[in-house]
Amino acid sequence: MFKYSLNNKRYHTLNYDLVKRFNTRVFKVSLNGGFSCPNFKNKIGCIFCSALGSGDFAGNKNDNLLTQFNNIKEKLNKKWPDTKYIAYFQANTNTYAPVKILKEKYEEVLTFSNVVGINIATRPDAITDECLEYLKDLSKRTYLTIELGLQSMHDKTLELINRGHDLDCFDKCVKKLKENNINVVVHIINGLPNETKQMMIDTVKHINKLKIDGIKIHMLYVLKNTPLEDYYKKTNFHLLTKEEYVNIVCDQIEELNEEIVIHRLTGDGSKNDLIAPDWTLKKVSVLNDIDKELKRRGTYQGFNKSILNRVNLIYEQFIKKGDITIDATCGNGNDTLKLSKFSKKVFAFDIQKNAIKNTKELMKKNSINNVTLINDSHQYLDKYLKEYIGKISLITFNLGYLPGGNKKIMTESKTTLEAIKKGLKLLNKKGIILVVCYPHKQGKEESYNILKYLEKNKIKYKMYKNTNNVNAPFLIEIKNNSV
């Protein structure tokens, strides 16, 4: 079971978050508060926005709030009685009014039966200081969430879609809200005109830095009678296929901080107004395909935050029952323990007595009996494992120093290279060597020499970098060159 899911989703689900918070099922009830939008001043608004202001599935604005709420509540109660609700002001910009009016509407819904919170969809340029003070007070009395539209971190895109604000405006608004302990959910759109896959991933990377609480990811779709319809007919810009969208969303999930709650992974417009793409109407199919792709990859939300997640995935997917493996730098025994769970036999090396002692204790604590500990340098692999030439499936190196130990005692290029050379001779036909390299001075020299040796000798390898940060650890996967 994954950490933030009640149904084994590979991401932090809204259902998990709400059930944990309220100890019962909670539903959001979409309402239309009759608000307008400051971006309509120029009579255009965001080019993708319908006349209903992104409130196609909100209540009827001609009905009062209680009627809207009860209409939806009655339908939900037939299937899920005795549940709780969050009043969701969805259509248009729901802080674009004098605070007096905001208070009237927000305070009213708090009196409705079983309402435990309010979600307010708005824009970063539509929260005045007076409004912020009221929201601060409101957040102390109920579970308040502000949903802010960003769509893209790229100002060029924001200008193209006539968003009406830039990234700096958005960032400043998020900062103010978080300084006042107000929950923030951010809306982004994949497939905006002229955006590359990397640009979409960069938007998620930027959001990660803002310490937000939740995210909604939408696919761009074209609706009738919108400026986007005209732009689409004029330029015929590329709309993402279902497969492209699923792939991008999975990449974004892998990048997204695991604490961020995912409120939505796709969006759909009104069937009668939709021009393209048709596949967005099949929400369940899209969600299922996202689940399938994450499962196929073996990844999950936040996967890219540590290269060790990649190492663990390789252990799980690569090692087969009956395989013999080697931990060439056992340290405190964490990798040795993981290898022991997948392997028939593990040989664990370390030059430091403390490392061997710590690993032995960890194995004993976990009742592991398929590990042989060797208190010697990994450069002597061949000395201890002569009879295992051509029989080893995987060798792992976690370079650097012993965590919690003497940082002056570190792995060195000379001995590591010698161990890799000898390790290659021990590998069976499918065998691989994994080397986790670190960015400190000696680690950079060590990784440079390893890569130089591999290139010079035309040895097959892959590099995995889970981040653009040049100071982050990375992985080298070396393959048996005889294959």
Protein backbone atom coordinates (compact mmCIF):
# COMPACT_ATOMS: atom_id res chain seq x y z
CA MET A 1 0.00 0.00 0.00
CA PHE A 2 1.38 3.40 -0.97
CA LYS A 3 1.90 5.99 1.72
CA TYR A 4 -0.78 8.55 0.88
CA SER A 5 -3.54 6.41 -0.59
CA LEU A 6 -6.44 4.32 0.68
CA ASN A 7 -6.81 2.35 -2.56
CA ASN A 8 -3.19 1.79 -3.55
CA LYS A 9 -2.91 4.75 -5.91
CA ARG A 10 0.70 5.73 -6.50
CA TYR A 11 0.09 9.35 -5.56
CA HIS A 12 -1.22 11.46 -2.69
CA THR A 13 -4.97 11.29 -3.19
CA LEU A 14 -7.51 13.87 -2.06
CA ASN A 15 -9.69 11.11 -0.63
CA TYR A 16 -6.82 9.97 1.61
CA ASP A 17 -6.20 13.51 2.79
CA LEU A 18 -9.84 14.24 3.61
CA VAL A 19 -10.56 10.91 5.31
CA LYS A 20 -7.44 11.28 7.42
CA ARG A 21 -8.42 14.83 8.34
CA PHE A 22 -12.15 14.27 9.06
CA ASN A 23 -12.27 10.52 9.72
CA THR A 24 -15.11 10.10 7.22
CA ARG A 25 -15.91 10.47 3.54
CA VAL A 26 -16.01 14.11 2.40
CA PHE A 27 -17.38 15.47 -0.88
CA LYS A 28 -16.87 18.81 -2.57
CA VAL A 29 -20.11 20.49 -3.69
CA SER A 30 -19.54 22.87 -6.61
CA LEU A 31 -21.39 26.17 -6.27
CA ASN A 32 -21.85 29.25 -8.43
CA GLY A 33 -21.67 32.35 -6.25
CA GLY A 34 -22.55 34.66 -9.11
CA PHE A 35 -19.09 36.25 -9.20
CA SER A 36 -17.42 37.78 -12.22
CA CYS A 37 -13.73 37.97 -13.15
CA PRO A 38 -11.31 40.91 -13.31
CA ASN A 39 -9.86 39.48 -16.50
CA PHE A 40 -13.18 40.04 -18.27
CA LYS A 41 -12.54 43.77 -18.17
CA ASN A 42 -10.92 43.49 -21.57
CA LYS A 43 -13.94 41.45 -22.77
CA ILE A 44 -11.77 38.47 -23.58
CA GLY A 45 -10.54 36.77 -20.41
CA CYS A 46 -8.32 33.71 -20.57
CA ILE A 47 -8.57 32.37 -24.11
CA PHE A 48 -9.65 28.89 -22.98
CA CYS A 49 -12.39 30.05 -20.61
CA SER A 50 -16.05 29.43 -21.43
CA ALA A 51 -18.82 31.92 -20.78
CA LEU A 52 -19.43 30.13 -17.49
CA GLY A 53 -15.97 31.03 -16.23
CA SER A 54 -14.65 27.48 -15.71
CA GLY A 55 -17.83 26.70 -13.85
CA ASP A 56 -19.43 24.40 -16.44
CA PHE A 57 -20.28 21.88 -13.74
CA ALA A 58 -20.99 24.30 -10.90
CA GLY A 59 -24.50 25.10 -9.71
CA ASN A 60 -27.01 27.33 -11.45
CA LYS A 61 -26.25 30.93 -10.53
CA ASN A 62 -29.95 31.74 -10.73
CA ASP A 63 -30.54 29.47 -7.72
CA ASN A 64 -29.57 30.57 -4.24
CA LEU A 65 -26.64 28.85 -2.58
CA LEU A 66 -28.76 26.62 -0.35
CA THR A 67 -30.78 25.33 -3.31
CA GLN A 68 -27.61 24.62 -5.28
CA PHE A 69 -26.09 22.84 -2.31
CA ASN A 70 -29.15 20.73 -1.53
CA ASN A 71 -29.62 19.66 -5.16
CA ILE A 72 -26.18 18.06 -5.18
CA LYS A 73 -26.34 16.88 -1.58
CA GLU A 74 -29.56 14.93 -2.22
CA LYS A 75 -27.96 13.02 -5.10
CA LEU A 76 -24.88 12.19 -3.02
CA ASN A 77 -26.90 11.13 0.01
CA LYS A 78 -28.66 8.43 -1.98
CA LYS A 79 -25.37 6.61 -2.37
CA TRP A 80 -23.37 7.95 0.57
CA PRO A 81 -25.57 8.93 3.52
CA ASP A 82 -24.15 10.62 6.60
CA THR A 83 -21.19 12.14 4.78
CA LYS A 84 -19.62 15.58 5.16
CA TYR A 85 -19.14 18.32 2.61
CA ILE A 86 -16.85 21.09 1.45
CA ALA A 87 -18.57 24.05 -0.21
CA TYR A 88 -16.63 24.73 -3.41
CA PHE A 89 -17.02 28.16 -4.98
CA GLN A 90 -15.93 27.18 -8.48
CA ALA A 91 -17.25 29.47 -11.21
CA ASN A 92 -15.23 32.57 -12.17
CA THR A 93 -13.14 34.48 -9.60
CA ASN A 94 -14.64 33.95 -6.17
CA THR A 95 -12.82 36.74 -4.33
CA TYR A 96 -13.66 39.38 -6.93
CA ALA A 97 -16.19 41.32 -4.87
CA PRO A 98 -16.28 43.60 -1.83
CA VAL A 99 -15.41 41.74 1.37
CA LYS A 100 -18.92 42.43 2.67
CA ILE A 101 -20.37 40.30 -0.13
CA LEU A 102 -17.75 37.61 0.33
CA LYS A 103 -18.63 37.35 4.00
CA GLU A 104 -22.33 37.01 3.25
CA LYS A 105 -21.79 34.10 0.88
CA TYR A 106 -19.01 32.29 2.75
CA GLU A 107 -20.63 32.59 6.16
CA GLU A 108 -23.94 31.36 4.73
CA VAL A 109 -22.52 28.06 3.46
CA LEU A 110 -20.88 27.42 6.82
CA THR A 111 -24.38 27.16 8.30
CA PHE A 112 -25.35 24.34 5.93
CA SER A 113 -25.65 20.88 7.43
CA ASN A 114 -22.39 18.87 7.61
CA VAL A 115 -20.28 21.50 5.83
CA VAL A 116 -16.75 21.21 7.24
CA GLY A 117 -14.87 23.53 4.93
CA ILE A 118 -14.78 25.95 2.01
CA ASN A 119 -12.77 25.84 -1.22
CA ILE A 120 -12.47 29.13 -3.09
CA ALA A 121 -11.30 29.22 -6.70
CA THR A 122 -9.72 32.56 -7.55
CA ARG A 123 -6.83 34.41 -9.17
CA PRO A 124 -3.59 35.71 -7.65
CA ASP A 125 -4.43 39.24 -8.75
CA ALA A 126 -7.86 39.22 -7.08
CA ILE A 127 -7.07 38.98 -3.37
CA THR A 128 -6.91 42.41 -1.75
CA ASP A 129 -5.26 43.04 1.62
CA GLU A 130 -8.70 43.42 3.18
CA CYS A 131 -9.78 40.14 1.63
CA LEU A 132 -6.62 38.43 2.88
CA GLU A 133 -7.35 39.55 6.45
CA TYR A 134 -10.83 38.06 6.23
CA LEU A 135 -9.52 34.82 4.74
CA LYS A 136 -6.99 34.62 7.56
CA ASP A 137 -9.83 34.84 10.10
CA LEU A 138 -11.98 32.39 8.14
CA SER A 139 -9.18 29.81 8.04
CA LYS A 140 -9.15 29.76 11.85
CA ARG A 141 -12.84 28.80 11.93
CA THR A 142 -13.11 26.26 9.14
CA TYR A 143 -11.03 24.14 6.77
CA LEU A 144 -10.27 26.77 4.14
CA THR A 145 -8.52 26.17 0.84
CA ILE A 146 -7.73 28.81 -1.78
CA GLU A 147 -7.45 27.44 -5.32
CA LEU A 148 -5.22 29.62 -7.48
CA GLY A 149 -4.98 29.38 -11.24
CA LEU A 150 -1.41 29.44 -12.54
CA GLN A 151 -1.70 27.23 -15.66
CA SER A 152 1.99 27.70 -16.55
CA MET A 153 5.11 29.14 -14.94
CA HIS A 154 6.19 30.59 -18.29
CA ASP A 155 5.33 34.28 -18.73
CA LYS A 156 5.39 33.95 -22.51
CA THR A 157 2.62 31.35 -22.27
CA LEU A 158 0.67 33.41 -19.73
CA GLU A 159 0.72 36.31 -22.14
CA LEU A 160 -0.37 34.12 -25.05
CA ILE A 161 -3.37 32.75 -23.17
CA ASN A 162 -4.24 36.26 -21.93
CA ARG A 163 -3.91 35.21 -18.31
CA GLY A 164 -3.74 38.79 -17.09
CA HIS A 165 -0.94 38.29 -14.55
CA ASP A 166 2.64 37.05 -14.57
CA LEU A 167 4.53 34.44 -12.53
CA ASP A 168 5.82 37.02 -10.06
CA CYS A 169 2.26 38.05 -9.18
CA PHE A 170 1.34 34.41 -8.58
CA ASP A 171 4.41 33.69 -6.43
CA LYS A 172 3.80 36.74 -4.24
CA CYS A 173 0.17 35.76 -3.69
CA VAL A 174 1.09 32.21 -2.67
CA LYS A 175 3.69 33.57 -0.27
CA LYS A 176 1.13 35.85 1.42
CA LEU A 177 -1.40 33.05 1.76
CA LYS A 178 1.12 30.60 3.20
CA GLU A 179 2.46 33.23 5.61
CA ASN A 180 -1.08 33.36 6.98
CA ASN A 181 -1.35 29.55 7.22
CA ILE A 182 -3.95 29.30 4.47
CA ASN A 183 -4.06 26.13 2.36
CA VAL A 184 -3.25 26.66 -1.31
CA VAL A 185 -4.15 24.44 -4.27
CA VAL A 186 -2.68 25.35 -7.67
CA HIS A 187 -4.26 24.73 -11.07
CA ILE A 188 -2.00 23.98 -14.05
CA ILE A 189 -2.80 23.07 -17.65
CA ASN A 190 -0.84 20.66 -19.84
CA GLY A 191 -0.82 21.11 -23.60
CA LEU A 192 -0.93 24.89 -23.77
CA PRO A 193 0.11 26.20 -27.21
CA ASN A 194 3.84 26.05 -27.97
CA GLU A 195 4.77 24.43 -24.66
CA THR A 196 7.18 21.50 -24.68
CA LYS A 197 7.06 18.54 -22.33
CA GLN A 198 9.99 19.97 -20.40
CA MET A 199 8.21 23.29 -19.95
CA MET A 200 5.25 21.48 -18.39
CA ILE A 201 7.55 19.55 -16.05
CA ASP A 202 9.34 22.79 -15.16
CA THR A 203 6.00 24.23 -14.02
CA VAL A 204 5.69 21.40 -11.48
CA LYS A 205 9.30 21.89 -10.38
CA HIS A 206 8.57 25.55 -9.74
CA ILE A 207 5.43 24.74 -7.77
CA ASN A 208 7.45 22.37 -5.58
CA LYS A 209 9.46 25.34 -4.33
CA LEU A 210 6.39 27.22 -3.11
CA LYS A 211 5.34 24.78 -0.34
CA ILE A 212 1.79 24.53 -1.66
CA ASP A 213 -0.72 22.03 -0.28
CA GLY A 214 -2.40 20.67 -3.39
CA ILE A 215 -2.46 20.64 -7.18
CA LYS A 216 -4.96 20.21 -10.00
CA ILE A 217 -3.58 19.08 -13.36
CA HIS A 218 -5.77 19.63 -16.41
CA MET A 219 -5.51 18.86 -20.10
CA LEU A 220 -6.12 21.80 -22.43
CA TYR A 221 -9.32 21.30 -24.40
CA VAL A 222 -10.95 23.63 -26.94
CA LEU A 223 -14.50 24.79 -26.34
CA LYS A 224 -16.89 26.46 -28.73
CA ASN A 225 -17.23 30.23 -28.66
CA THR A 226 -13.90 30.86 -26.96
CA PRO A 227 -10.88 32.79 -28.25
CA LEU A 228 -9.02 29.47 -28.06
CA GLU A 229 -11.38 28.08 -30.70
CA ASP A 230 -10.37 30.86 -33.08
CA TYR A 231 -6.68 30.42 -32.27
CA TYR A 232 -6.92 26.65 -32.80
CA LYS A 233 -8.61 27.02 -36.18
CA LYS A 234 -6.08 29.66 -37.23
CA THR A 235 -2.88 27.91 -36.10
CA ASN A 236 -3.90 24.24 -35.79
CA PHE A 237 -1.50 23.97 -32.84
CA HIS A 238 -0.80 20.47 -31.55
CA LEU A 239 -3.20 19.14 -28.95
CA LEU A 240 -1.72 16.37 -26.83
CA THR A 241 -2.82 12.84 -27.58
CA LYS A 242 -4.09 10.77 -24.69
CA GLU A 243 -0.83 8.82 -24.65
CA GLU A 244 1.26 12.01 -24.60
CA TYR A 245 -0.82 13.46 -21.80
CA VAL A 246 -0.57 10.32 -19.66
CA ASN A 247 3.19 10.21 -20.15
CA ILE A 248 3.63 13.86 -19.16
CA VAL A 249 1.38 13.56 -16.10
CA CYS A 250 3.33 10.53 -14.89
CA ASP A 251 6.58 12.48 -15.31
CA GLN A 252 5.06 15.34 -13.31
CA ILE A 253 3.87 13.01 -10.56
CA GLU A 254 7.37 11.55 -10.25
CA GLU A 255 8.68 15.08 -9.82
CA LEU A 256 5.99 16.33 -7.42
CA ASN A 257 6.71 16.53 -3.69
CA GLU A 258 4.95 13.61 -2.02
CA GLU A 259 3.27 15.87 0.58
CA ILE A 260 1.32 17.76 -2.10
CA VAL A 261 -2.24 16.45 -2.42
CA ILE A 262 -3.38 15.71 -5.97
CA HIS A 263 -6.96 17.01 -6.31
CA ARG A 264 -7.33 16.29 -10.01
CA LEU A 265 -5.36 14.63 -12.81
CA THR A 266 -7.46 15.56 -15.81
CA GLY A 267 -10.30 17.85 -16.78
CA ASP A 268 -13.23 17.71 -19.16
CA GLY A 269 -15.40 20.33 -20.77
CA SER A 270 -19.09 20.20 -21.57
CA LYS A 271 -19.72 17.50 -24.18
CA ASN A 272 -21.97 19.80 -26.18
CA ASP A 273 -19.33 22.54 -26.35
CA LEU A 274 -16.19 20.44 -26.81
CA ILE A 275 -14.34 20.79 -30.10
CA ALA A 276 -11.20 18.77 -29.27
CA PRO A 277 -9.70 16.51 -28.09
CA ASP A 278 -12.52 13.98 -27.76
CA TRP A 279 -10.54 11.69 -25.45
CA THR A 280 -10.78 14.21 -22.60
CA LEU A 281 -14.41 13.19 -22.14
CA LYS A 282 -13.30 9.73 -20.99
CA LYS A 283 -11.99 10.77 -17.58
CA VAL A 284 -12.08 7.30 -16.03
CA SER A 285 -10.09 5.88 -18.93
CA VAL A 286 -7.46 8.62 -18.60
CA LEU A 287 -7.13 8.04 -14.85
CA ASN A 288 -6.86 4.29 -15.35
CA ASP A 289 -4.13 4.76 -17.94
CA ILE A 290 -2.18 7.00 -15.55
CA ASP A 291 -2.41 4.28 -12.89
CA LYS A 292 -1.29 1.63 -15.38
CA GLU A 293 1.66 3.70 -16.60
CA LEU A 294 2.92 4.41 -13.08
CA LYS A 295 2.63 0.71 -12.27
CA ARG A 296 4.47 -0.22 -15.47
CA ARG A 297 7.27 2.16 -14.57
CA GLY A 298 7.26 1.06 -10.94
CA THR A 299 7.30 4.71 -9.90
CA TYR A 300 5.16 6.96 -7.70
CA GLN A 301 4.73 10.55 -6.53
CA GLY A 302 8.05 12.06 -5.50
CA PHE A 303 10.06 9.23 -7.06
CA ASN A 304 12.59 11.65 -8.53
CA LYS A 305 13.43 13.22 -5.18
CA SER A 306 16.15 10.66 -4.47
CA ILE A 307 18.34 8.61 -6.78
CA LEU A 308 18.09 5.83 -4.20
CA ASN A 309 14.47 5.33 -5.31
CA ARG A 310 15.85 4.39 -8.72
CA VAL A 311 18.34 2.02 -7.13
CA ASN A 312 15.60 0.33 -5.11
CA LEU A 313 13.42 0.02 -8.21
CA ILE A 314 16.25 -1.70 -10.09
CA TYR A 315 16.75 -4.11 -7.17
CA GLU A 316 13.07 -4.97 -7.21
CA GLN A 317 12.66 -5.33 -10.97
CA PHE A 318 16.05 -6.77 -11.90
CA ILE A 319 16.97 -9.31 -9.23
CA LYS A 320 15.34 -12.73 -9.64
CA LYS A 321 14.91 -15.58 -7.19
CA GLY A 322 18.13 -17.58 -7.09
CA ASP A 323 20.40 -14.62 -7.96
CA ILE A 324 23.64 -13.96 -6.13
CA THR A 325 24.47 -10.30 -5.46
CA ILE A 326 27.22 -8.21 -3.89
CA ASP A 327 27.09 -5.07 -1.77
CA ALA A 328 30.59 -3.72 -2.34
CA THR A 329 30.16 -0.91 0.24
CA CYS A 330 27.82 -2.24 2.91
CA GLY A 331 28.12 0.82 5.22
CA ASN A 332 25.32 0.57 7.78
CA GLY A 333 23.70 -2.33 5.95
CA ASN A 334 20.71 -0.69 4.31
CA ASP A 335 21.49 -1.86 0.77
CA THR A 336 22.60 -5.25 2.07
CA LEU A 337 19.21 -5.69 3.73
CA LYS A 338 17.35 -4.74 0.56
CA LEU A 339 19.46 -7.10 -1.56
CA SER A 340 18.91 -9.94 0.92
CA LYS A 341 15.15 -9.74 0.38
CA PHE A 342 15.45 -10.34 -3.36
CA SER A 343 18.58 -12.50 -3.63
CA LYS A 344 19.43 -16.10 -2.85
CA LYS A 345 22.82 -15.04 -1.49
CA VAL A 346 24.52 -11.69 -0.71
CA PHE A 347 28.20 -10.97 -0.14
CA ALA A 348 28.78 -7.67 1.66
CA PHE A 349 32.17 -5.93 1.79
CA ASP A 350 33.45 -3.03 3.85
CA ILE A 351 36.92 -2.01 5.00
CA GLN A 352 35.64 -0.50 8.25
CA LYS A 353 34.92 -2.74 11.25
CA ASN A 354 32.11 -0.42 12.41
CA ALA A 355 30.35 -0.90 9.08
CA ILE A 356 30.54 -4.68 9.35
CA LYS A 357 29.34 -4.49 12.96
CA ASN A 358 26.40 -2.24 12.06
CA THR A 359 25.41 -4.42 9.12
CA LYS A 360 25.62 -7.59 11.19
CA GLU A 361 23.32 -6.11 13.83
CA LEU A 362 20.82 -5.00 11.17
CA MET A 363 20.76 -8.48 9.63
CA LYS A 364 20.22 -10.06 13.05
CA LYS A 365 17.42 -7.61 13.86
CA ASN A 366 15.64 -8.58 10.63
CA SER A 367 16.35 -12.32 10.93
CA ILE A 368 18.40 -12.35 7.72
CA ASN A 369 20.60 -15.42 7.21
CA ASN A 370 21.59 -15.26 3.54
CA VAL A 371 24.35 -12.62 3.92
CA THR A 372 28.09 -13.20 4.21
CA LEU A 373 30.00 -10.23 5.63
CA ILE A 374 33.61 -9.62 4.58
CA ASN A 375 35.70 -7.05 6.45
CA ASP A 376 38.01 -6.07 3.60
CA SER A 377 38.28 -3.66 0.69
CA HIS A 378 36.12 -4.30 -2.35
CA GLN A 379 39.26 -4.23 -4.48
CA TYR A 380 39.78 -7.82 -3.32
CA LEU A 381 36.48 -9.16 -4.66
CA ASP A 382 38.30 -11.79 -6.70
CA LYS A 383 40.25 -13.02 -3.67
CA TYR A 384 37.08 -14.01 -1.80
CA LEU A 385 34.81 -14.93 -4.70
CA LYS A 386 37.00 -16.95 -7.09
CA GLU A 387 34.38 -19.67 -7.47
CA TYR A 388 31.70 -17.10 -8.39
CA ILE A 389 33.18 -15.87 -11.68
CA GLY A 390 30.29 -15.50 -14.15
CA LYS A 391 27.69 -16.16 -11.44
CA ILE A 392 26.94 -12.71 -9.95
CA SER A 393 23.79 -10.91 -11.10
CA LEU A 394 24.27 -7.50 -9.48
CA ILE A 395 26.98 -5.57 -7.65
CA THR A 396 26.16 -2.28 -5.93
CA PHE A 397 28.51 0.51 -4.83
CA ASN A 398 27.35 3.41 -2.68
CA LEU A 399 30.44 5.59 -2.76
CA GLY A 400 31.66 8.16 -0.26
CA TYR A 401 31.93 7.81 3.51
CA LEU A 402 30.14 5.77 6.16
CA PRO A 403 27.00 7.69 7.27
CA GLY A 404 27.52 8.56 10.93
CA GLY A 405 31.15 7.48 10.71
CA ASN A 406 34.51 9.11 10.07
CA LYS A 407 34.07 11.34 6.99
CA LYS A 408 37.82 11.29 6.38
CA ILE A 409 37.60 7.61 5.47
CA MET A 410 36.14 7.53 1.98
CA THR A 411 36.10 5.33 -1.08
CA GLU A 412 38.87 6.17 -3.57
CA SER A 413 39.12 6.15 -7.34
CA LYS A 414 41.97 3.65 -7.50
CA THR A 415 40.36 0.95 -5.37
CA THR A 416 36.85 1.57 -6.71
CA LEU A 417 38.04 1.23 -10.30
CA GLU A 418 39.89 -1.94 -9.46
CA ALA A 419 36.77 -3.33 -7.81
CA ILE A 420 34.64 -2.44 -10.86
CA LYS A 421 37.12 -4.15 -13.20
CA LYS A 422 37.11 -7.31 -11.10
CA GLY A 423 33.36 -7.07 -10.62
CA LEU A 424 32.78 -7.13 -14.38
CA LYS A 425 34.53 -10.52 -14.51
CA LEU A 426 32.24 -11.84 -11.79
CA LEU A 427 29.02 -10.85 -13.58
CA ASN A 428 26.86 -13.40 -15.35
CA LYS A 429 25.55 -12.64 -18.84
CA LYS A 430 22.71 -10.41 -17.66
CA GLY A 431 24.67 -8.90 -14.77
CA ILE A 432 24.96 -5.20 -13.92
CA ILE A 433 26.93 -2.97 -11.59
CA LEU A 434 25.26 0.00 -9.88
CA VAL A 435 27.40 2.90 -8.67
CA VAL A 436 25.88 5.78 -6.69
CA CYS A 437 28.18 8.80 -6.97
CA TYR A 438 28.20 11.87 -4.74
CA PRO A 439 29.03 15.51 -5.53
CA HIS A 440 31.69 16.28 -2.88
CA LYS A 441 35.22 16.98 -4.15
CA GLN A 442 36.55 13.45 -3.87
CA GLY A 443 33.26 12.05 -5.18
CA LYS A 444 33.43 14.19 -8.31
CA GLU A 445 36.96 12.97 -8.99
CA GLU A 446 35.89 9.38 -8.41
CA SER A 447 32.89 9.56 -10.76
CA TYR A 448 34.97 11.34 -13.40
CA ASN A 449 37.56 8.56 -13.38
CA ILE A 450 34.90 5.86 -13.51
CA LEU A 451 33.20 7.44 -16.54
CA LYS A 452 36.57 8.02 -18.21
CA TYR A 453 37.43 4.34 -17.78
CA LEU A 454 34.06 3.19 -19.13
CA GLU A 455 34.29 5.46 -22.18
CA LYS A 456 37.87 4.49 -22.93
CA ASN A 457 37.06 0.79 -22.80
CA LYS A 458 33.71 1.15 -24.57
CA ILE A 459 31.85 -0.45 -21.70
CA LYS A 460 28.06 -0.08 -21.88
CA TYR A 461 26.52 2.11 -19.19
CA LYS A 462 23.56 4.33 -18.38
CA MET A 463 23.40 7.40 -16.19
CA TYR A 464 20.38 8.36 -14.11
CA LYS A 465 20.00 11.88 -12.77
CA ASN A 466 16.74 12.51 -10.98
CA THR A 467 17.25 16.26 -10.83
CA ASN A 468 18.88 19.12 -12.71
CA ASN A 469 20.83 19.96 -9.55
CA VAL A 470 24.50 19.41 -10.38
CA ASN A 471 25.21 18.86 -6.69
CA ALA A 472 22.79 15.94 -6.36
CA PRO A 473 23.91 12.28 -6.26
CA PHE A 474 23.54 10.31 -9.48
CA LEU A 475 23.61 6.68 -10.59
CA ILE A 476 25.81 4.86 -13.09
CA GLU A 477 24.48 1.50 -14.30
CA ILE A 478 27.22 -0.61 -15.90
CA LYS A 479 26.31 -3.62 -18.04
CA ASN A 480 28.20 -6.81 -18.66
CA ASN A 481 30.22 -5.91 -21.73
CA SER A 482 30.22 -9.47 -23.05
CA VAL A 483 26.50 -9.23 -23.88
